[in-house]
Amino acid sequence: MTATPQARTVGTRLPKPARRRQLLGAAREVFVAQGYHAAAMDEIAERAGVSKPVLYQHFPGKLDLYLALLDESVDALAATVRNALASSTDNKERVTATFTAFFDFVESTGQAFRLVFESDLRNEPAVRDRLEASTRDCAEIISEIIREDAGVGDDEAHLLGIGLVGMAQASATFWLSTNHKIPKDAAEQLIARLAWRGISGWPRAGEYGGPEHGDAEHGGPEHGDAEHGGPEHGGPEH
């Protein structure tokens, strides 16, 4: 097993934050490649180019190291989703940005997304708590927008948020497993369009109408409202 490039000089003294980053980087590679149970602290230390005592100075055990990586990953995912929703005030664009956030996360984290979406340690309470909290947090970020704009209650908004998170996670991880058979931007748009067709069924808060009111004057999303998707909802023009 070879050390990572940044760690090839064994014994080099690094500031504590830099050493921690180095150790986390090595551990991420090992955990992603082998899973938690097969990973060994000896191998992580060797990958980082440090002695086991140095590794244990920073992380008392393998679970501590795994939890530190998991915390980094779930924080990164939540920040990505939050930034996506803040990128626009147009709800259709927000939906697309949300799915793009999940596709970006699975593609750009060096397979670290597997710690969040495919962990083999879900039976460990501390891991399960973090993973469940990550799903709730992402859903809450999304549900805040739904609650404000669709005028639904807290429970309904959160359930819709959970549904969108599940759709985004499942579609992004499946897309990655297909080795980009569909280009990334096309895949994002495809799934976002599916989600938008559903979520746009709620009129904006303060508006009267919706799909059940088959009259354009009610402002429902399927009647040519540009913000709710326009012509793609039922013909060239209404």
C-alpha atoms as a PDB file:
ATOM      1  CA  MET A   1       0.000   0.000   0.000  1.00  0.00           C
ATOM      2  CA  THR A   2       1.486   3.349  -0.961  1.00  0.00           C
ATOM      3  CA  ALA A   3       1.039   6.555   0.932  1.00  0.00           C
ATOM      4  CA  THR A   4      -0.925   9.412  -0.530  1.00  0.00           C
ATOM      5  CA  PRO A   5       1.247  11.982  -2.357  1.00  0.00           C
ATOM      6  CA  GLN A   6       0.922  14.574   0.380  1.00  0.00           C
ATOM      7  CA  ALA A   7       2.088  12.091   2.992  1.00  0.00           C
ATOM      8  CA  ARG A   8       5.093  10.370   1.507  1.00  0.00           C
ATOM      9  CA  THR A   9       7.611  11.886   3.885  1.00  0.00           C
ATOM     10  CA  VAL A  10       6.969   9.888   7.016  1.00  0.00           C
ATOM     11  CA  GLY A  11       7.539  11.814  10.202  1.00  0.00           C
ATOM     12  CA  THR A  12       7.194  15.273   8.673  1.00  0.00           C
ATOM     13  CA  ARG A  13       5.734  17.539  11.341  1.00  0.00           C
ATOM     14  CA  LEU A  14       2.578  19.305  10.254  1.00  0.00           C
ATOM     15  CA  PRO A  15       0.317  21.767  12.018  1.00  0.00           C
ATOM     16  CA  LYS A  16      -2.544  19.927  13.703  1.00  0.00           C
ATOM     17  CA  PRO A  17      -5.251  21.047  11.215  1.00  0.00           C
ATOM     18  CA  ALA A  18      -3.091  20.041   8.252  1.00  0.00           C
ATOM     19  CA  ARG A  19      -2.303  16.661   9.795  1.00  0.00           C
ATOM     20  CA  ARG A  20      -5.996  16.099  10.494  1.00  0.00           C
ATOM     21  CA  ARG A  21      -6.872  16.844   6.874  1.00  0.00           C
ATOM     22  CA  GLN A  22      -4.147  14.463   5.727  1.00  0.00           C
ATOM     23  CA  LEU A  23      -5.417  11.663   7.950  1.00  0.00           C
ATOM     24  CA  LEU A  24      -9.022  12.217   6.922  1.00  0.00           C
ATOM     25  CA  GLY A  25      -8.049  12.134   3.265  1.00  0.00           C
ATOM     26  CA  ALA A  26      -6.265   8.806   3.696  1.00  0.00           C
ATOM     27  CA  ALA A  27      -9.112   7.369   5.752  1.00  0.00           C
ATOM     28  CA  ARG A  28     -11.684   8.449   3.173  1.00  0.00           C
ATOM     29  CA  GLU A  29      -9.857   6.504   0.480  1.00  0.00           C
ATOM     30  CA  VAL A  30      -9.711   3.368   2.616  1.00  0.00           C
ATOM     31  CA  PHE A  31     -13.281   3.517   3.906  1.00  0.00           C
ATOM     32  CA  VAL A  32     -14.729   4.184   0.455  1.00  0.00           C
ATOM     33  CA  ALA A  33     -12.718   1.390  -1.128  1.00  0.00           C
ATOM     34  CA  GLN A  34     -13.239  -1.243   1.547  1.00  0.00           C
ATOM     35  CA  GLY A  35     -16.125  -0.199   3.774  1.00  0.00           C
ATOM     36  CA  TYR A  36     -15.923   0.350   7.492  1.00  0.00           C
ATOM     37  CA  HIS A  37     -15.635  -3.224   8.663  1.00  0.00           C
ATOM     38  CA  ALA A  38     -12.820  -4.228   6.315  1.00  0.00           C
ATOM     39  CA  ALA A  39     -10.819  -1.036   6.842  1.00  0.00           C
ATOM     40  CA  ALA A  40      -7.911  -1.217   9.291  1.00  0.00           C
ATOM     41  CA  MET A  41      -6.216   1.557  11.214  1.00  0.00           C
ATOM     42  CA  ASP A  42      -2.841   0.095  10.189  1.00  0.00           C
ATOM     43  CA  GLU A  43      -3.745   0.555   6.558  1.00  0.00           C
ATOM     44  CA  ILE A  44      -5.041   4.094   7.103  1.00  0.00           C
ATOM     45  CA  ALA A  45      -1.834   5.068   8.892  1.00  0.00           C
ATOM     46  CA  GLU A  46       0.257   3.554   6.111  1.00  0.00           C
ATOM     47  CA  ARG A  47      -1.824   5.298   3.447  1.00  0.00           C
ATOM     48  CA  ALA A  48      -1.269   8.601   5.259  1.00  0.00           C
ATOM     49  CA  GLY A  49       2.436   7.928   5.703  1.00  0.00           C
ATOM     50  CA  VAL A  50       2.343   8.204   9.487  1.00  0.00           C
ATOM     51  CA  SER A  51       2.799   5.857  12.406  1.00  0.00           C
ATOM     52  CA  LYS A  52      -0.203   4.392  14.201  1.00  0.00           C
ATOM     53  CA  PRO A  53       0.560   6.421  17.365  1.00  0.00           C
ATOM     54  CA  VAL A  54       0.290   9.615  15.299  1.00  0.00           C
ATOM     55  CA  LEU A  55      -3.060   8.457  13.923  1.00  0.00           C
ATOM     56  CA  TYR A  56      -4.331   7.630  17.402  1.00  0.00           C
ATOM     57  CA  GLN A  57      -3.230  11.018  18.713  1.00  0.00           C
ATOM     58  CA  HIS A  58      -5.815  12.590  16.436  1.00  0.00           C
ATOM     59  CA  PHE A  59      -8.490   9.877  16.420  1.00  0.00           C
ATOM     60  CA  PRO A  60      -8.792   7.520  19.403  1.00  0.00           C
ATOM     61  CA  GLY A  61     -10.444   4.801  17.341  1.00  0.00           C
ATOM     62  CA  LYS A  62     -11.718   3.779  13.934  1.00  0.00           C
ATOM     63  CA  LEU A  63     -15.280   4.846  14.714  1.00  0.00           C
ATOM     64  CA  ASP A  64     -14.099   8.347  15.700  1.00  0.00           C
ATOM     65  CA  LEU A  65     -12.331   8.633  12.373  1.00  0.00           C
ATOM     66  CA  TYR A  66     -15.371   7.410  10.451  1.00  0.00           C
ATOM     67  CA  LEU A  67     -17.698   9.807  12.275  1.00  0.00           C
ATOM     68  CA  ALA A  68     -15.399  12.736  11.541  1.00  0.00           C
ATOM     69  CA  LEU A  69     -15.531  11.872   7.827  1.00  0.00           C
ATOM     70  CA  LEU A  70     -19.279  11.409   7.964  1.00  0.00           C
ATOM     71  CA  ASP A  71     -19.721  14.812   9.616  1.00  0.00           C
ATOM     72  CA  GLU A  72     -17.692  16.425   6.835  1.00  0.00           C
ATOM     73  CA  SER A  73     -19.743  14.716   4.143  1.00  0.00           C
ATOM     74  CA  VAL A  74     -23.202  15.481   5.530  1.00  0.00           C
ATOM     75  CA  ASP A  75     -22.209  19.098   6.156  1.00  0.00           C
ATOM     76  CA  ALA A  76     -20.993  19.375   2.566  1.00  0.00           C
ATOM     77  CA  LEU A  77     -24.248  17.936   1.244  1.00  0.00           C
ATOM     78  CA  ALA A  78     -26.414  20.281   3.306  1.00  0.00           C
ATOM     79  CA  ALA A  79     -24.339  23.286   2.207  1.00  0.00           C
ATOM     80  CA  THR A  80     -24.635  22.226  -1.437  1.00  0.00           C
ATOM     81  CA  VAL A  81     -28.424  21.942  -1.185  1.00  0.00           C
ATOM     82  CA  ARG A  82     -28.727  25.239   0.683  1.00  0.00           C
ATOM     83  CA  ASN A  83     -26.624  27.063  -1.905  1.00  0.00           C
ATOM     84  CA  ALA A  84     -28.665  25.519  -4.710  1.00  0.00           C
ATOM     85  CA  LEU A  85     -31.929  26.826  -3.290  1.00  0.00           C
ATOM     86  CA  ALA A  86     -30.411  30.245  -2.680  1.00  0.00           C
ATOM     87  CA  SER A  87     -29.232  30.473  -6.284  1.00  0.00           C
ATOM     88  CA  SER A  88     -32.615  31.612  -7.618  1.00  0.00           C
ATOM     89  CA  THR A  89     -36.025  32.883  -6.573  1.00  0.00           C
ATOM     90  CA  ASP A  90     -37.709  31.092  -9.473  1.00  0.00           C
ATOM     91  CA  ASN A  91     -39.178  27.854  -8.160  1.00  0.00           C
ATOM     92  CA  LYS A  92     -38.681  25.854 -11.316  1.00  0.00           C
ATOM     93  CA  GLU A  93     -35.018  26.815 -11.337  1.00  0.00           C
ATOM     94  CA  ARG A  94     -34.792  25.939  -7.649  1.00  0.00           C
ATOM     95  CA  VAL A  95     -36.042  22.421  -8.341  1.00  0.00           C
ATOM     96  CA  THR A  96     -33.452  21.948 -11.073  1.00  0.00           C
ATOM     97  CA  ALA A  97     -30.720  23.394  -8.845  1.00  0.00           C
ATOM     98  CA  THR A  98     -31.645  20.976  -6.064  1.00  0.00           C
ATOM     99  CA  PHE A  99     -31.208  17.950  -8.293  1.00  0.00           C
ATOM    100  CA  THR A 100     -28.010  19.416  -9.698  1.00  0.00           C
ATOM    101  CA  ALA A 101     -26.735  19.681  -6.101  1.00  0.00           C
ATOM    102  CA  PHE A 102     -27.174  15.953  -5.534  1.00  0.00           C
ATOM    103  CA  PHE A 103     -25.646  15.046  -8.894  1.00  0.00           C
ATOM    104  CA  ASP A 104     -22.687  17.333  -8.125  1.00  0.00           C
ATOM    105  CA  PHE A 105     -22.301  15.738  -4.703  1.00  0.00           C
ATOM    106  CA  VAL A 106     -22.084  12.180  -5.983  1.00  0.00           C
ATOM    107  CA  GLU A 107     -19.737  13.136  -8.814  1.00  0.00           C
ATOM    108  CA  SER A 108     -17.313  15.473  -7.099  1.00  0.00           C
ATOM    109  CA  THR A 109     -16.615  14.038  -3.644  1.00  0.00           C
ATOM    110  CA  GLY A 110     -14.215  11.270  -4.646  1.00  0.00           C
ATOM    111  CA  GLN A 111     -16.810   8.601  -3.836  1.00  0.00           C
ATOM    112  CA  ALA A 112     -17.186  10.033  -0.322  1.00  0.00           C
ATOM    113  CA  PHE A 113     -20.914  10.220  -0.994  1.00  0.00           C
ATOM    114  CA  ARG A 114     -20.940   6.467  -0.329  1.00  0.00           C
ATOM    115  CA  LEU A 115     -20.342   7.213   3.350  1.00  0.00           C
ATOM    116  CA  VAL A 116     -23.670   9.061   3.386  1.00  0.00           C
ATOM    117  CA  PHE A 117     -25.781   7.149   0.873  1.00  0.00           C
ATOM    118  CA  GLU A 118     -24.331   3.632   1.083  1.00  0.00           C
ATOM    119  CA  SER A 119     -22.801   3.295   4.543  1.00  0.00           C
ATOM    120  CA  ASP A 120     -22.234  -0.260   5.776  1.00  0.00           C
ATOM    121  CA  LEU A 121     -22.422   0.974   9.369  1.00  0.00           C
ATOM    122  CA  ARG A 122     -26.054   2.043   9.618  1.00  0.00           C
ATOM    123  CA  ASN A 123     -26.635  -0.246  12.585  1.00  0.00           C
ATOM    124  CA  GLU A 124     -24.225   1.841  14.655  1.00  0.00           C
ATOM    125  CA  PRO A 125     -26.421   4.360  16.563  1.00  0.00           C
ATOM    126  CA  ALA A 126     -24.035   7.303  16.146  1.00  0.00           C
ATOM    127  CA  VAL A 127     -23.842   6.706  12.390  1.00  0.00           C
ATOM    128  CA  ARG A 128     -27.568   6.118  12.006  1.00  0.00           C
ATOM    129  CA  ASP A 129     -28.339   9.314  13.927  1.00  0.00           C
ATOM    130  CA  ARG A 130     -26.099  11.353  11.635  1.00  0.00           C
ATOM    131  CA  LEU A 131     -27.506   9.833   8.459  1.00  0.00           C
ATOM    132  CA  GLU A 132     -31.093  10.354   9.568  1.00  0.00           C
ATOM    133  CA  ALA A 133     -30.266  13.911  10.621  1.00  0.00           C
ATOM    134  CA  SER A 134     -28.687  14.543   7.207  1.00  0.00           C
ATOM    135  CA  THR A 135     -31.844  13.448   5.408  1.00  0.00           C
ATOM    136  CA  ARG A 136     -34.013  15.530   7.740  1.00  0.00           C
ATOM    137  CA  ASP A 137     -31.797  18.582   7.359  1.00  0.00           C
ATOM    138  CA  CYS A 138     -31.811  18.450   3.565  1.00  0.00           C
ATOM    139  CA  ALA A 139     -35.567  17.877   3.565  1.00  0.00           C
ATOM    140  CA  GLU A 140     -36.087  20.791   5.940  1.00  0.00           C
ATOM    141  CA  ILE A 141     -34.061  23.134   3.732  1.00  0.00           C
ATOM    142  CA  ILE A 142     -36.327  22.181   0.828  1.00  0.00           C
ATOM    143  CA  SER A 143     -39.544  22.113   2.843  1.00  0.00           C
ATOM    144  CA  GLU A 144     -39.009  25.680   4.042  1.00  0.00           C
ATOM    145  CA  ILE A 145     -39.385  26.857   0.457  1.00  0.00           C
ATOM    146  CA  ILE A 146     -42.374  24.575  -0.143  1.00  0.00           C
ATOM    147  CA  ARG A 147     -44.062  25.761   3.040  1.00  0.00           C
ATOM    148  CA  GLU A 148     -43.559  29.424   2.192  1.00  0.00           C
ATOM    149  CA  ASP A 149     -44.564  29.210  -1.459  1.00  0.00           C
ATOM    150  CA  ALA A 150     -47.197  26.478  -1.546  1.00  0.00           C
ATOM    151  CA  GLY A 151     -48.970  27.378   1.674  1.00  0.00           C
ATOM    152  CA  VAL A 152     -49.086  23.808   2.990  1.00  0.00           C
ATOM    153  CA  GLY A 153     -48.655  22.815   6.623  1.00  0.00           C
ATOM    154  CA  ASP A 154     -45.387  21.859   8.281  1.00  0.00           C
ATOM    155  CA  ASP A 155     -45.989  18.102   8.143  1.00  0.00           C
ATOM    156  CA  GLU A 156     -47.059  18.155   4.505  1.00  0.00           C
ATOM    157  CA  ALA A 157     -44.114  20.354   3.504  1.00  0.00           C
ATOM    158  CA  HIS A 158     -41.647  18.102   5.302  1.00  0.00           C
ATOM    159  CA  LEU A 159     -43.060  14.969   3.676  1.00  0.00           C
ATOM    160  CA  LEU A 160     -42.748  16.600   0.260  1.00  0.00           C
ATOM    161  CA  GLY A 161     -39.182  17.601   1.129  1.00  0.00           C
ATOM    162  CA  ILE A 162     -38.346  14.025   2.147  1.00  0.00           C
ATOM    163  CA  GLY A 163     -39.800  12.788  -1.138  1.00  0.00           C
ATOM    164  CA  LEU A 164     -37.681  15.160  -3.197  1.00  0.00           C
ATOM    165  CA  VAL A 165     -34.535  14.261  -1.242  1.00  0.00           C
ATOM    166  CA  GLY A 166     -35.178  10.548  -1.773  1.00  0.00           C
ATOM    167  CA  MET A 167     -35.768  11.074  -5.493  1.00  0.00           C
ATOM    168  CA  ALA A 168     -32.619  13.175  -5.838  1.00  0.00           C
ATOM    169  CA  GLN A 169     -30.437  10.727  -3.917  1.00  0.00           C
ATOM    170  CA  ALA A 170     -31.673   7.613  -5.704  1.00  0.00           C
ATOM    171  CA  SER A 171     -31.521   9.120  -9.180  1.00  0.00           C
ATOM    172  CA  ALA A 172     -28.066  10.661  -8.691  1.00  0.00           C
ATOM    173  CA  THR A 173     -26.469   7.488  -7.348  1.00  0.00           C
ATOM    174  CA  PHE A 174     -28.082   5.357 -10.062  1.00  0.00           C
ATOM    175  CA  TRP A 175     -26.935   7.788 -12.745  1.00  0.00           C
ATOM    176  CA  LEU A 176     -23.363   7.573 -11.469  1.00  0.00           C
ATOM    177  CA  SER A 177     -23.510   3.757 -11.551  1.00  0.00           C
ATOM    178  CA  THR A 178     -24.365   3.855 -15.274  1.00  0.00           C
ATOM    179  CA  ASN A 179     -21.019   5.491 -16.101  1.00  0.00           C
ATOM    180  CA  HIS A 180     -22.606   8.621 -17.531  1.00  0.00           C
ATOM    181  CA  LYS A 181     -24.684   6.876 -20.193  1.00  0.00           C
ATOM    182  CA  ILE A 182     -26.851   9.981 -20.056  1.00  0.00           C
ATOM    183  CA  PRO A 183     -24.881  13.256 -19.906  1.00  0.00           C
ATOM    184  CA  LYS A 184     -25.009  14.820 -16.466  1.00  0.00           C
ATOM    185  CA  ASP A 185     -26.902  17.958 -17.446  1.00  0.00           C
ATOM    186  CA  ALA A 186     -29.455  15.929 -19.406  1.00  0.00           C
ATOM    187  CA  ALA A 187     -29.983  13.555 -16.484  1.00  0.00           C
ATOM    188  CA  GLU A 188     -30.452  16.453 -14.065  1.00  0.00           C
ATOM    189  CA  GLN A 189     -32.984  18.109 -16.332  1.00  0.00           C
ATOM    190  CA  LEU A 190     -34.864  14.847 -16.873  1.00  0.00           C
ATOM    191  CA  ILE A 191     -35.363  14.147 -13.168  1.00  0.00           C
ATOM    192  CA  ALA A 192     -35.979  17.808 -12.329  1.00  0.00           C
ATOM    193  CA  ARG A 193     -38.719  17.924 -14.937  1.00  0.00           C
ATOM    194  CA  LEU A 194     -40.383  14.883 -13.375  1.00  0.00           C
ATOM    195  CA  ALA A 195     -40.262  16.499  -9.935  1.00  0.00           C
ATOM    196  CA  TRP A 196     -41.443  19.873 -11.201  1.00  0.00           C
ATOM    197  CA  ARG A 197     -44.470  18.310 -12.866  1.00  0.00           C
ATOM    198  CA  GLY A 198     -45.515  17.174  -9.397  1.00  0.00           C
ATOM    199  CA  ILE A 199     -44.469  20.022  -7.125  1.00  0.00           C
ATOM    200  CA  SER A 200     -45.904  22.683  -9.418  1.00  0.00           C
ATOM    201  CA  GLY A 201     -49.331  21.186  -8.784  1.00  0.00           C
ATOM    202  CA  TRP A 202     -49.590  23.397  -5.723  1.00  0.00           C
ATOM    203  CA  PRO A 203     -50.463  27.034  -6.399  1.00  0.00           C
ATOM    204  CA  ARG A 204     -48.247  29.658  -4.802  1.00  0.00           C
ATOM    205  CA  ALA A 205     -49.348  30.712  -1.329  1.00  0.00           C
ATOM    206  CA  GLY A 206     -52.009  33.396  -1.543  1.00  0.00           C
ATOM    207  CA  GLU A 207     -53.225  32.280  -4.953  1.00  0.00           C
ATOM    208  CA  TYR A 208     -56.572  30.602  -5.419  1.00  0.00           C
ATOM    209  CA  GLY A 209     -56.681  27.612  -7.646  1.00  0.00           C
ATOM    210  CA  GLY A 210     -54.634  24.661  -8.669  1.00  0.00           C
ATOM    211  CA  PRO A 211     -55.048  21.694 -10.945  1.00  0.00           C
ATOM    212  CA  GLU A 212     -58.522  20.986  -9.603  1.00  0.00           C
ATOM    213  CA  HIS A 213     -59.694  24.444 -10.742  1.00  0.00           C
ATOM    214  CA  GLY A 214     -59.787  24.041 -14.507  1.00  0.00           C
ATOM    215  CA  ASP A 215     -59.844  27.750 -15.291  1.00  0.00           C
ATOM    216  CA  ALA A 216     -56.912  29.871 -16.384  1.00  0.00           C
ATOM    217  CA  GLU A 217     -58.078  32.843 -14.326  1.00  0.00           C
ATOM    218  CA  HIS A 218     -57.374  30.879 -11.161  1.00  0.00           C
ATOM    219  CA  GLY A 219     -53.637  30.956 -11.828  1.00  0.00           C
ATOM    220  CA  GLY A 220     -53.102  27.184 -11.545  1.00  0.00           C
ATOM    221  CA  PRO A 221     -49.719  25.851 -12.677  1.00  0.00           C
ATOM    222  CA  GLU A 222     -51.127  23.986 -15.629  1.00  0.00           C
ATOM    223  CA  HIS A 223     -52.601  27.050 -17.271  1.00  0.00           C
ATOM    224  CA  GLY A 224     -49.689  28.832 -18.875  1.00  0.00           C
ATOM    225  CA  ASP A 225     -48.223  30.532 -15.773  1.00  0.00           C
ATOM    226  CA  ALA A 226     -44.615  31.126 -16.801  1.00  0.00           C
ATOM    227  CA  GLU A 227     -43.302  30.513 -13.310  1.00  0.00           C
ATOM    228  CA  HIS A 228     -45.033  27.167 -13.152  1.00  0.00           C
ATOM    229  CA  GLY A 229     -43.644  25.822 -16.368  1.00  0.00           C
ATOM    230  CA  GLY A 230     -45.676  27.519 -19.110  1.00  0.00           C
ATOM    231  CA  PRO A 231     -46.311  25.718 -22.380  1.00  0.00           C
ATOM    232  CA  GLU A 232     -44.866  22.405 -21.278  1.00  0.00           C
ATOM    233  CA  HIS A 233     -47.958  21.894 -19.135  1.00  0.00           C
ATOM    234  CA  GLY A 234     -50.548  21.197 -21.723  1.00  0.00           C
ATOM    235  CA  GLY A 235     -49.922  22.739 -25.124  1.00  0.00           C
ATOM    236  CA  PRO A 236     -48.219  25.641 -26.844  1.00  0.00           C
ATOM    237  CA  GLU A 237     -50.357  28.326 -25.240  1.00  0.00           C
ATOM    238  CA  HIS A 238     -53.470  28.712 -23.151  1.00  0.00           C
END
